[in-house]
Amino acid sequence: MTKILDKLYDFLKDVVCVILALMTLTIFYTVFARAVRLPGPVWIVQFNEYAMLFATFLGSAWLLSKGKHVSIELLVSRFGERTRKVFKIVHSLMGMGLCATLCWYGAVTTIEHFQRNIMHVQAVDVPMAYVLFVIPVGFFLLLIQFIVDFFTALHALGSPAASGFESQEKTSEGGVH
């Protein structure tokens, strides 16, 4: 199951890379157009607003799976090995609860916007449900990753040899964790 998730996360990481590249190119084009006194496309700001939302929610589960999500190492590094394992379990449980709640609320809100056909009126009129659907999808993927982390941490707590942190450190792609 984790191999399937890894492939999905890697695909979404690639999608986020494309989104970020397109954002960079469109912003560069807008700056260039202004510098040569050409009118810039009016949709670029709106596109980049949506792009930031999509990049955030599509990439967050990948970050969590690689151990690159926001964490407070200053506090955790002072704990003993067993306390770190317990803290990882508590962290995963809290993440599961928060993500499940926000996934449910995001899904309800998205469905409501779809049923009411609410539009985001800017340079280009876009149905808000098309913009918001990425929020419950992203929180669902985070929920799944927190569940994986929970069981990994639970297994690590039961086995004295495994710390539960090796898999994250091996996949950190050379970064400092």
Foldseek 3Di string as FASTA:
>chain_A
DVVVLLVQLVVLQVVLVVLVVVLVVLVVVCVVCVVVVHHRDFCNVVSNVLSVLLSCLSNPLVCVQLVNPDDDCVVLVPDDLLVNLVVLLVVLVVLLVVLVVQLVVLVVVLVVQVVVQDWDDDSDIDRVSVSSVSRSVSSVSSNVSSVVSNVLSVVCSVDVVRSSCVSSVVSNVPDDD
